[in-house]
Amino acid sequence: MGTVLRPPLPFPGEFVPVLPSCLLEPLWDQFAALLPEHVDTHPLGCHNPRVSDRVVFEHVIAALVHGSGYERSAGPGCSDRTIRRRVKYWAQLGMALSRSTRSPCRRTTA
């Protein structure tokens, strides 16, 4: 068996996005508009900073695209437990990702 050649990354050390930004940005914009503003109610205010909703959202999308669990899509900045808790919280709020039949990347011909 030979070595599998993979195309080089756009820039050394950078990751290739799971979805093109023309798909991810409109999804995030619609989803973020539904999110309530987070209010920190910790009495001492000395806990670790909260992982942003955007970071968790991108990890959830990565897990959905790859068909893997949150353990595989989790990284150093966002644990699988954080992803699960946030998804559970979003579900309690009645939020869900919906699919659209129109692609924001599709060009219209005039």
Foldseek 3Di string as FASTA:
>chain_A
DDDDDDDDDPDPPDDDALDPCQQVVVQCVVQVVPDDDDDDPDPVPPDDDQQDPSVLVSLVVNCVSVVHQSCVSDDPRGHSVNSVVVVVVCVVVVDDRDDDPDRSPDDDDD
